[in-house]
C-alpha atoms as a PDB file:
ATOM      1  CA  MET A   1      12.271  -0.919  52.956  1.00  0.00           C
ATOM      2  CA  GLU A   2      11.494   2.647  51.986  1.00  0.00           C
ATOM      3  CA  LYS A   3      12.871   4.089  48.760  1.00  0.00           C
ATOM      4  CA  LYS A   4      15.160   7.061  49.256  1.00  0.00           C
ATOM      5  CA  ILE A   5      15.011  10.141  47.075  1.00  0.00           C
ATOM      6  CA  ASP A   6      17.808  10.589  44.564  1.00  0.00           C
ATOM      7  CA  ARG A   7      16.896  14.233  43.926  1.00  0.00           C
ATOM      8  CA  ILE A   8      14.012  16.651  43.659  1.00  0.00           C
ATOM      9  CA  ILE A   9      14.038  18.624  40.409  1.00  0.00           C
ATOM     10  CA  PRO A  10      12.054  21.889  40.474  1.00  0.00           C
ATOM     11  CA  ARG A  11      10.060  23.000  37.466  1.00  0.00           C
ATOM     12  CA  PRO A  12      12.367  24.341  34.738  1.00  0.00           C
ATOM     13  CA  ALA A  13      12.729  28.116  34.783  1.00  0.00           C
ATOM     14  CA  SER A  14      11.018  28.685  31.439  1.00  0.00           C
ATOM     15  CA  ALA A  15       8.430  27.038  29.230  1.00  0.00           C
ATOM     16  CA  ASN A  16       8.815  26.178  25.562  1.00  0.00           C
ATOM     17  CA  MET A  17       6.120  26.410  22.914  1.00  0.00           C
ATOM     18  CA  VAL A  18       5.479  23.237  20.919  1.00  0.00           C
ATOM     19  CA  GLY A  19       3.680  24.539  17.879  1.00  0.00           C
ATOM     20  CA  ASP A  20       1.373  27.300  19.063  1.00  0.00           C
ATOM     21  CA  GLY A  21      -0.881  25.100  21.211  1.00  0.00           C
ATOM     22  CA  PHE A  22       1.307  23.551  23.883  1.00  0.00           C
ATOM     23  CA  ARG A  23       3.223  25.604  26.465  1.00  0.00           C
ATOM     24  CA  VAL A  24       5.396  22.971  28.091  1.00  0.00           C
ATOM     25  CA  PHE A  25       8.050  22.547  30.738  1.00  0.00           C
ATOM     26  CA  ASN A  26      10.441  19.773  29.744  1.00  0.00           C
ATOM     27  CA  TYR A  27      11.776  17.559  32.545  1.00  0.00           C
ATOM     28  CA  ILE A  28      13.127  14.696  30.434  1.00  0.00           C
ATOM     29  CA  PRO A  29      15.655  14.952  28.819  1.00  0.00           C
ATOM     30  CA  HIS A  30      16.181  18.657  29.696  1.00  0.00           C
ATOM     31  CA  THR A  31      16.937  18.047  33.377  1.00  0.00           C
ATOM     32  CA  LEU A  32      17.447  14.275  33.472  1.00  0.00           C
ATOM     33  CA  ALA A  33      19.292  11.863  31.160  1.00  0.00           C
ATOM     34  CA  GLN A  34      17.127   9.379  29.288  1.00  0.00           C
ATOM     35  CA  ARG A  35      19.113   6.344  30.409  1.00  0.00           C
ATOM     36  CA  ARG A  36      18.642   7.271  34.080  1.00  0.00           C
ATOM     37  CA  ILE A  37      14.849   7.180  33.748  1.00  0.00           C
ATOM     38  CA  SER A  38      14.485   4.481  31.023  1.00  0.00           C
ATOM     39  CA  PRO A  39      12.049   3.424  29.601  1.00  0.00           C
ATOM     40  CA  PHE A  40      10.781   7.024  29.727  1.00  0.00           C
ATOM     41  CA  LEU A  41      12.368   9.186  27.038  1.00  0.00           C
ATOM     42  CA  MET A  42      10.598  12.510  27.378  1.00  0.00           C
ATOM     43  CA  LEU A  43       8.281  14.290  29.771  1.00  0.00           C
ATOM     44  CA  ASP A  44       6.590  17.531  28.695  1.00  0.00           C
ATOM     45  CA  PHE A  45       4.233  19.131  31.208  1.00  0.00           C
ATOM     46  CA  ASN A  46       1.790  21.751  29.971  1.00  0.00           C
ATOM     47  CA  ALA A  47       1.085  23.245  33.394  1.00  0.00           C
ATOM     48  CA  ALA A  48      -2.354  24.854  33.684  1.00  0.00           C
ATOM     49  CA  PHE A  49      -2.466  27.811  31.287  1.00  0.00           C
ATOM     50  CA  ASP A  50      -5.396  29.816  29.935  1.00  0.00           C
ATOM     51  CA  PHE A  51      -4.918  30.169  26.199  1.00  0.00           C
ATOM     52  CA  GLY A  52      -8.086  32.260  25.883  1.00  0.00           C
ATOM     53  CA  PRO A  53     -10.743  31.944  23.167  1.00  0.00           C
ATOM     54  CA  SER A  54      -9.568  31.787  19.560  1.00  0.00           C
ATOM     55  CA  ASP A  55     -11.039  31.276  16.102  1.00  0.00           C
ATOM     56  CA  HIS A  56      -7.621  29.989  15.077  1.00  0.00           C
ATOM     57  CA  ILE A  57      -7.175  26.401  16.245  1.00  0.00           C
ATOM     58  CA  ARG A  58      -3.831  26.161  18.010  1.00  0.00           C
ATOM     59  CA  GLY A  59      -1.730  23.030  17.926  1.00  0.00           C
ATOM     60  CA  VAL A  60       1.128  21.134  16.318  1.00  0.00           C
ATOM     61  CA  ASP A  61       1.093  20.506  12.586  1.00  0.00           C
ATOM     62  CA  VAL A  62       1.996  17.236  10.865  1.00  0.00           C
ATOM     63  CA  HIS A  63       5.079  15.541  12.324  1.00  0.00           C
ATOM     64  CA  PRO A  64       6.493  11.987  12.315  1.00  0.00           C
ATOM     65  CA  HIS A  65       7.125   9.502  15.135  1.00  0.00           C
ATOM     66  CA  LYS A  66       9.061   6.227  15.008  1.00  0.00           C
ATOM     67  CA  GLY A  67      10.464   3.715  17.497  1.00  0.00           C
ATOM     68  CA  PHE A  68       8.565   4.580  20.680  1.00  0.00           C
ATOM     69  CA  GLU A  69       5.147   5.358  22.211  1.00  0.00           C
ATOM     70  CA  THR A  70       3.514   8.669  23.128  1.00  0.00           C
ATOM     71  CA  VAL A  71       1.231   8.866  26.161  1.00  0.00           C
ATOM     72  CA  THR A  72      -0.948  11.968  26.505  1.00  0.00           C
ATOM     73  CA  ILE A  73      -2.791  12.550  29.800  1.00  0.00           C
ATOM     74  CA  ALA A  74      -5.459  15.262  29.830  1.00  0.00           C
ATOM     75  CA  TYR A  75      -6.211  17.109  33.065  1.00  0.00           C
ATOM     76  CA  GLN A  76      -7.908  20.226  31.666  1.00  0.00           C
ATOM     77  CA  GLY A  77      -8.863  21.144  28.106  1.00  0.00           C
ATOM     78  CA  SER A  78      -9.419  18.909  25.089  1.00  0.00           C
ATOM     79  CA  VAL A  79      -7.069  17.835  22.293  1.00  0.00           C
ATOM     80  CA  ALA A  80      -8.026  16.487  18.872  1.00  0.00           C
ATOM     81  CA  HIS A  81      -5.677  14.450  16.695  1.00  0.00           C
ATOM     82  CA  HIS A  82      -5.336  12.868  13.246  1.00  0.00           C
ATOM     83  CA  ASP A  83      -2.770  10.483  11.781  1.00  0.00           C
ATOM     84  CA  SER A  84      -1.614   9.062   8.462  1.00  0.00           C
ATOM     85  CA  ALA A  85      -3.373   5.732   9.113  1.00  0.00           C
ATOM     86  CA  GLY A  86      -6.762   7.459   9.103  1.00  0.00           C
ATOM     87  CA  ASN A  87      -7.241   7.477  12.865  1.00  0.00           C
ATOM     88  CA  SER A  88      -8.682  10.494  14.665  1.00  0.00           C
ATOM     89  CA  GLY A  89     -10.263  11.363  17.980  1.00  0.00           C
ATOM     90  CA  VAL A  90     -10.539  13.767  20.897  1.00  0.00           C
ATOM     91  CA  ILE A  91      -8.843  13.478  24.288  1.00  0.00           C
ATOM     92  CA  HIS A  92     -11.037  15.031  27.019  1.00  0.00           C
ATOM     93  CA  PRO A  93     -10.169  15.693  30.693  1.00  0.00           C
ATOM     94  CA  GLY A  94      -9.550  12.378  32.416  1.00  0.00           C
ATOM     95  CA  ASP A  95      -8.741  10.596  29.146  1.00  0.00           C
ATOM     96  CA  VAL A  96      -5.400   9.104  28.113  1.00  0.00           C
ATOM     97  CA  GLN A  97      -4.195   8.467  24.584  1.00  0.00           C
ATOM     98  CA  TRP A  98      -1.540   5.760  24.288  1.00  0.00           C
ATOM     99  CA  MET A  99      -0.097   5.771  20.780  1.00  0.00           C
ATOM    100  CA  THR A 100       2.436   3.198  19.619  1.00  0.00           C
ATOM    101  CA  ALA A 101       4.331   4.842  16.768  1.00  0.00           C
ATOM    102  CA  GLY A 102       6.366   1.682  16.158  1.00  0.00           C
ATOM    103  CA  SER A 103       7.493   1.444  12.538  1.00  0.00           C
ATOM    104  CA  GLY A 104       6.486   5.033  11.789  1.00  0.00           C
ATOM    105  CA  ILE A 105       3.470   7.326  11.548  1.00  0.00           C
ATOM    106  CA  LEU A 106       2.568  10.929  10.779  1.00  0.00           C
ATOM    107  CA  HIS A 107       0.539  12.698  13.442  1.00  0.00           C
ATOM    108  CA  LYS A 108      -0.912  16.093  14.317  1.00  0.00           C
ATOM    109  CA  GLU A 109      -2.480  17.379  17.541  1.00  0.00           C
ATOM    110  CA  TYR A 110      -4.448  20.530  18.168  1.00  0.00           C
ATOM    111  CA  HIS A 111      -6.965  22.128  20.515  1.00  0.00           C
ATOM    112  CA  GLU A 112     -10.430  20.651  20.031  1.00  0.00           C
ATOM    113  CA  GLU A 113     -12.628  23.133  18.133  1.00  0.00           C
ATOM    114  CA  ASN A 114     -15.217  23.883  20.841  1.00  0.00           C
ATOM    115  CA  PHE A 115     -12.530  24.233  23.515  1.00  0.00           C
ATOM    116  CA  SER A 116     -10.556  26.524  21.224  1.00  0.00           C
ATOM    117  CA  LYS A 117     -13.544  28.832  20.655  1.00  0.00           C
ATOM    118  CA  LYS A 118     -14.416  29.036  24.361  1.00  0.00           C
ATOM    119  CA  GLY A 119     -10.879  29.099  25.741  1.00  0.00           C
ATOM    120  CA  GLY A 120     -10.031  28.121  29.300  1.00  0.00           C
ATOM    121  CA  ASN A 121      -7.386  26.313  31.273  1.00  0.00           C
ATOM    122  CA  PHE A 122      -5.339  23.775  29.372  1.00  0.00           C
ATOM    123  CA  GLU A 123      -3.305  21.208  31.321  1.00  0.00           C
ATOM    124  CA  MET A 124      -1.668  18.097  29.872  1.00  0.00           C
ATOM    125  CA  VAL A 125       1.245  15.704  30.327  1.00  0.00           C
ATOM    126  CA  GLN A 126       2.935  13.950  27.431  1.00  0.00           C
ATOM    127  CA  LEU A 127       5.324  11.087  28.056  1.00  0.00           C
ATOM    128  CA  TRP A 128       7.413   9.286  25.483  1.00  0.00           C
ATOM    129  CA  VAL A 129       7.961   5.618  26.335  1.00  0.00           C
ATOM    130  CA  ASN A 130      10.749   3.710  24.618  1.00  0.00           C
ATOM    131  CA  LEU A 131      10.229   0.412  22.813  1.00  0.00           C
ATOM    132  CA  PRO A 132      12.774  -2.417  22.891  1.00  0.00           C
ATOM    133  CA  LYS A 133      14.552  -3.125  19.619  1.00  0.00           C
ATOM    134  CA  LYS A 134      12.366  -6.147  18.846  1.00  0.00           C
ATOM    135  CA  ASP A 135       9.215  -3.987  18.987  1.00  0.00           C
ATOM    136  CA  LYS A 136      10.365  -0.833  17.195  1.00  0.00           C
ATOM    137  CA  SER A 137       8.953  -2.255  13.953  1.00  0.00           C
ATOM    138  CA  ALA A 138       5.478  -2.883  15.449  1.00  0.00           C
ATOM    139  CA  ALA A 139       2.584  -1.622  13.343  1.00  0.00           C
ATOM    140  CA  PRO A 140       1.364   1.782  14.590  1.00  0.00           C
ATOM    141  CA  HIS A 141      -1.742   1.591  16.760  1.00  0.00           C
ATOM    142  CA  TYR A 142      -3.654   3.349  19.544  1.00  0.00           C
ATOM    143  CA  GLN A 143      -5.112   2.597  22.911  1.00  0.00           C
ATOM    144  CA  PRO A 144      -7.746   5.347  23.387  1.00  0.00           C
ATOM    145  CA  LEU A 145      -8.345   5.156  27.137  1.00  0.00           C
ATOM    146  CA  THR A 146     -11.358   7.229  28.095  1.00  0.00           C
ATOM    147  CA  ASN A 147     -11.930   8.300  31.685  1.00  0.00           C
ATOM    148  CA  LYS A 148     -14.433   5.487  32.221  1.00  0.00           C
ATOM    149  CA  ASP A 149     -11.950   2.895  30.895  1.00  0.00           C
ATOM    150  CA  ILE A 150      -9.359   3.632  33.578  1.00  0.00           C
ATOM    151  CA  PRO A 151      -9.789   1.634  36.804  1.00  0.00           C
ATOM    152  CA  VAL A 152     -10.145   3.721  39.956  1.00  0.00           C
ATOM    153  CA  VAL A 153      -9.053   2.459  43.374  1.00  0.00           C
ATOM    154  CA  PRO A 154     -10.528   4.477  46.279  1.00  0.00           C
ATOM    155  CA  LEU A 155      -8.238   4.954  49.258  1.00  0.00           C
ATOM    156  CA  ASP A 156      -9.310   4.142  52.803  1.00  0.00           C
ATOM    157  CA  ASN A 157     -11.028   6.789  54.924  1.00  0.00           C
ATOM    158  CA  ASN A 158     -11.877   8.991  51.916  1.00  0.00           C
ATOM    159  CA  GLN A 159      -8.238  10.006  51.553  1.00  0.00           C
ATOM    160  CA  GLY A 160      -8.395  10.068  47.757  1.00  0.00           C
ATOM    161  CA  GLN A 161      -8.143   7.703  44.818  1.00  0.00           C
ATOM    162  CA  VAL A 162      -5.676   6.173  42.375  1.00  0.00           C
ATOM    163  CA  ARG A 163      -6.408   5.876  38.649  1.00  0.00           C
ATOM    164  CA  VAL A 164      -4.427   2.907  37.324  1.00  0.00           C
ATOM    165  CA  ILE A 165      -3.444   3.911  33.789  1.00  0.00           C
ATOM    166  CA  ALA A 166      -0.847   1.144  33.382  1.00  0.00           C
ATOM    167  CA  GLY A 167       0.781  -1.534  35.491  1.00  0.00           C
ATOM    168  CA  ASN A 168      -0.680  -2.420  38.855  1.00  0.00           C
ATOM    169  CA  PHE A 169      -1.778  -0.833  42.096  1.00  0.00           C
ATOM    170  CA  GLY A 170      -2.448  -3.455  44.723  1.00  0.00           C
ATOM    171  CA  GLN A 171      -4.611  -6.085  43.045  1.00  0.00           C
ATOM    172  CA  GLN A 172      -5.882  -3.713  40.337  1.00  0.00           C
ATOM    173  CA  LYS A 173      -4.440  -4.021  36.842  1.00  0.00           C
ATOM    174  CA  GLY A 174      -4.152  -0.894  34.713  1.00  0.00           C
ATOM    175  CA  ALA A 175      -6.035  -0.073  31.523  1.00  0.00           C
ATOM    176  CA  ALA A 176      -3.080   0.080  29.108  1.00  0.00           C
ATOM    177  CA  ALA A 177      -1.181  -2.838  27.599  1.00  0.00           C
ATOM    178  CA  THR A 178       2.577  -2.186  27.632  1.00  0.00           C
ATOM    179  CA  TYR A 179       5.542  -3.725  25.830  1.00  0.00           C
ATOM    180  CA  THR A 180       7.759  -3.684  28.928  1.00  0.00           C
ATOM    181  CA  PRO A 181       6.903  -3.732  32.658  1.00  0.00           C
ATOM    182  CA  LEU A 182       5.887  -0.265  33.862  1.00  0.00           C
ATOM    183  CA  ASN A 183       3.442   1.540  36.122  1.00  0.00           C
ATOM    184  CA  LEU A 184       1.627   4.797  35.440  1.00  0.00           C
ATOM    185  CA  LEU A 185      -0.570   5.948  38.335  1.00  0.00           C
ATOM    186  CA  ASP A 186      -2.662   9.125  38.491  1.00  0.00           C
ATOM    187  CA  ILE A 187      -2.898   9.720  42.249  1.00  0.00           C
ATOM    188  CA  HIS A 188      -5.381  12.163  43.808  1.00  0.00           C
ATOM    189  CA  LEU A 189      -4.929  12.837  47.538  1.00  0.00           C
ATOM    190  CA  GLU A 190      -6.971  14.901  49.971  1.00  0.00           C
ATOM    191  CA  ALA A 191      -5.165  17.330  52.263  1.00  0.00           C
ATOM    192  CA  GLY A 192      -3.764  15.401  55.218  1.00  0.00           C
ATOM    193  CA  ALA A 193      -3.869  12.034  53.419  1.00  0.00           C
ATOM    194  CA  SER A 194      -1.199   9.400  53.992  1.00  0.00           C
ATOM    195  CA  PHE A 195      -0.477   7.189  51.010  1.00  0.00           C
ATOM    196  CA  GLN A 196       1.772   4.204  50.398  1.00  0.00           C
ATOM    197  CA  VAL A 197       2.630   2.286  47.249  1.00  0.00           C
ATOM    198  CA  THR A 198       4.984  -0.622  46.536  1.00  0.00           C
ATOM    199  CA  ILE A 199       7.241  -0.346  43.462  1.00  0.00           C
ATOM    200  CA  PRO A 200       9.830  -2.964  42.392  1.00  0.00           C
ATOM    201  CA  SER A 201      13.421  -2.024  43.260  1.00  0.00           C
ATOM    202  CA  THR A 202      14.377  -2.916  39.678  1.00  0.00           C
ATOM    203  CA  HIS A 203      12.302  -0.016  38.300  1.00  0.00           C
ATOM    204  CA  ASN A 204      13.370   3.540  37.574  1.00  0.00           C
ATOM    205  CA  THR A 205      10.795   5.543  39.523  1.00  0.00           C
ATOM    206  CA  ALA A 206       9.690   9.184  39.673  1.00  0.00           C
ATOM    207  CA  ILE A 207       6.691  11.345  40.591  1.00  0.00           C
ATOM    208  CA  LEU A 208       5.539  14.593  38.990  1.00  0.00           C
ATOM    209  CA  ALA A 209       3.643  16.817  41.419  1.00  0.00           C
ATOM    210  CA  VAL A 210       0.959  18.114  39.054  1.00  0.00           C
ATOM    211  CA  HIS A 211      -0.845  19.905  41.905  1.00  0.00           C
ATOM    212  CA  GLY A 212      -0.289  20.371  45.600  1.00  0.00           C
ATOM    213  CA  GLN A 213       2.594  19.723  47.940  1.00  0.00           C
ATOM    214  CA  GLY A 214       3.575  17.339  50.671  1.00  0.00           C
ATOM    215  CA  LYS A 215       6.288  15.107  52.022  1.00  0.00           C
ATOM    216  CA  THR A 216       7.828  11.839  50.913  1.00  0.00           C
ATOM    217  CA  GLY A 217      10.327  10.202  53.218  1.00  0.00           C
ATOM    218  CA  ASP A 218      11.998  13.104  54.977  1.00  0.00           C
ATOM    219  CA  LYS A 219      11.826  15.459  51.988  1.00  0.00           C
ATOM    220  CA  ILE A 220       9.306  18.206  51.238  1.00  0.00           C
ATOM    221  CA  PHE A 221       8.076  18.521  47.650  1.00  0.00           C
ATOM    222  CA  HIS A 222       6.218  21.439  46.087  1.00  0.00           C
ATOM    223  CA  GLU A 223       3.845  21.846  43.167  1.00  0.00           C
ATOM    224  CA  HIS A 224       5.459  20.977  39.816  1.00  0.00           C
ATOM    225  CA  ASP A 225       8.480  19.302  41.422  1.00  0.00           C
ATOM    226  CA  PHE A 226       9.808  16.118  39.800  1.00  0.00           C
ATOM    227  CA  ILE A 227      10.848  13.586  42.437  1.00  0.00           C
ATOM    228  CA  LEU A 228      13.395  10.978  41.328  1.00  0.00           C
ATOM    229  CA  PHE A 229      13.845   7.927  43.562  1.00  0.00           C
ATOM    230  CA  GLU A 230      16.820   5.664  44.105  1.00  0.00           C
ATOM    231  CA  HIS A 231      16.449   1.984  43.222  1.00  0.00           C
ATOM    232  CA  GLU A 232      17.003   0.414  46.628  1.00  0.00           C
ATOM    233  CA  GLY A 233      13.812  -0.260  48.546  1.00  0.00           C
ATOM    234  CA  GLU A 234      10.253  -0.789  47.380  1.00  0.00           C
ATOM    235  CA  GLU A 235       8.006   1.377  49.564  1.00  0.00           C
ATOM    236  CA  ILE A 236       7.063   4.979  48.771  1.00  0.00           C
ATOM    237  CA  ARG A 237       5.195   6.907  51.443  1.00  0.00           C
ATOM    238  CA  ILE A 238       3.563  10.271  50.814  1.00  0.00           C
ATOM    239  CA  GLU A 239       1.892  12.718  53.180  1.00  0.00           C
ATOM    240  CA  ALA A 240      -0.195  15.345  51.385  1.00  0.00           C
ATOM    241  CA  ALA A 241      -0.067  18.806  52.939  1.00  0.00           C
ATOM    242  CA  GLN A 242      -2.877  19.978  50.633  1.00  0.00           C
ATOM    243  CA  ASP A 243      -5.138  18.496  47.976  1.00  0.00           C
ATOM    244  CA  SER A 244      -2.651  16.966  45.535  1.00  0.00           C
ATOM    245  CA  THR A 245      -2.483  15.320  42.120  1.00  0.00           C
ATOM    246  CA  LEU A 246       0.617  13.205  41.564  1.00  0.00           C
ATOM    247  CA  LEU A 247       1.676  11.285  38.461  1.00  0.00           C
ATOM    248  CA  LEU A 248       3.807   8.280  39.423  1.00  0.00           C
ATOM    249  CA  MET A 249       5.829   6.584  36.706  1.00  0.00           C
ATOM    250  CA  SER A 250       8.033   3.546  37.113  1.00  0.00           C
ATOM    251  CA  GLY A 251       9.479   1.093  34.657  1.00  0.00           C
ATOM    252  CA  LEU A 252      11.989  -1.672  34.132  1.00  0.00           C
ATOM    253  CA  PRO A 253      14.919  -0.089  32.247  1.00  0.00           C
ATOM    254  CA  ILE A 254      15.429  -1.165  28.640  1.00  0.00           C
ATOM    255  CA  ASP A 255      19.100  -2.122  28.612  1.00  0.00           C
ATOM    256  CA  GLU A 256      19.782  -1.162  25.016  1.00  0.00           C
ATOM    257  CA  PRO A 257      21.546   1.776  23.336  1.00  0.00           C
ATOM    258  CA  ILE A 258      19.437   4.889  22.721  1.00  0.00           C
ATOM    259  CA  ALA A 259      19.936   6.833  19.495  1.00  0.00           C
ATOM    260  CA  SER A 260      17.522   9.721  19.122  1.00  0.00           C
ATOM    261  CA  TYR A 261      17.012  12.508  16.645  1.00  0.00           C
ATOM    262  CA  GLY A 262      13.907  14.633  17.141  1.00  0.00           C
ATOM    263  CA  PRO A 263      10.866  12.368  16.740  1.00  0.00           C
ATOM    264  CA  PHE A 264      12.907   9.246  15.904  1.00  0.00           C
ATOM    265  CA  VAL A 265      14.235   6.961  18.669  1.00  0.00           C
ATOM    266  CA  MET A 266      16.212   3.899  17.584  1.00  0.00           C
ATOM    267  CA  ASN A 267      19.247   1.924  18.813  1.00  0.00           C
ATOM    268  CA  THR A 268      21.929   3.137  16.381  1.00  0.00           C
ATOM    269  CA  GLN A 269      22.722   6.199  14.304  1.00  0.00           C
ATOM    270  CA  GLU A 270      22.472   4.036  11.187  1.00  0.00           C
ATOM    271  CA  GLU A 271      18.861   3.242  12.114  1.00  0.00           C
ATOM    272  CA  ILE A 272      18.216   6.960  12.615  1.00  0.00           C
ATOM    273  CA  PHE A 273      19.463   7.661   9.087  1.00  0.00           C
ATOM    274  CA  GLU A 274      17.197   4.885   7.798  1.00  0.00           C
ATOM    275  CA  ALA A 275      14.210   6.394   9.655  1.00  0.00           C
ATOM    276  CA  ILE A 276      14.867   9.836   8.177  1.00  0.00           C
ATOM    277  CA  ASN A 277      15.198   8.307   4.729  1.00  0.00           C
ATOM    278  CA  ASP A 278      11.941   6.360   5.136  1.00  0.00           C
ATOM    279  CA  PHE A 279      10.174   9.549   6.230  1.00  0.00           C
ATOM    280  CA  ASN A 280      11.554  11.508   3.271  1.00  0.00           C
ATOM    281  CA  GLN A 281      10.433   8.768   0.876  1.00  0.00           C
ATOM    282  CA  GLY A 282       6.883   8.948   2.199  1.00  0.00           C
ATOM    283  CA  LYS A 283       6.883   5.519   3.855  1.00  0.00           C
ATOM    284  CA  PHE A 284       5.054   6.887   6.921  1.00  0.00           C
ATOM    285  CA  GLY A 285       2.004   7.628   4.779  1.00  0.00           C
ATOM    286  CA  HIS A 286       0.377  10.965   4.001  1.00  0.00           C
ATOM    287  CA  LEU A 287      -1.400  13.502   6.203  1.00  0.00           C
ATOM    288  CA  GLU A 288      -2.603  16.994   5.313  1.00  0.00           C
END
């Protein structure tokens, strides 16, 4: 049975600057409640934007995270990062960084130096994925998924390909380990392609149209639309009207209370106060 569309959310009218290096359109929670799309807590989309060359390295300075995971998907441009546990690295086009903040970490992200000097198009997605209560105290860690680490499933008749970041597509298992059942698929379709995927009816499911436009079910979607599906049914069918890049996310909802305050996501307000106190006492470590 085919999944019906709950709604199609167009790109928000205006972008917000996160630091001075990320010009993002926020879809979650700006246009959609967190509980409706659990386990996904936030979706920021830095649509393709030319920042131009700069000797000043743009980015986001030191900030904390606790109680969830951040997933950064690079389409264009390169991002460097450091954290209070001594980890660092660079996320290049095609790479994904899956960071489990867990019990708390300090982090900073900024344009990679060579990219910053040359300038050019910058295009990224950052998702925040909730953790269940039992895992919010997990030790912080990373899954640095380079382009070559992510399994690619070619579609029949040269219609495109699917990069399986997490979960499953057909018989192919994704690159990322997850705490709860979810799928994250980076779908690339040629103009005229017909595509079908099976998603459990128990999952909250949505697609971000990063590029291109097409049709799913009886509805037309356009570039940068966010397509939210109803639960009933398991089949999603897409017809691409032009070359398209689609980010499909689905996940089993975490049926627990959500208490959030900026970069802290816990289950109760008391736990939020504890997180703020831990941060103020320096328990997340130190990062210049």
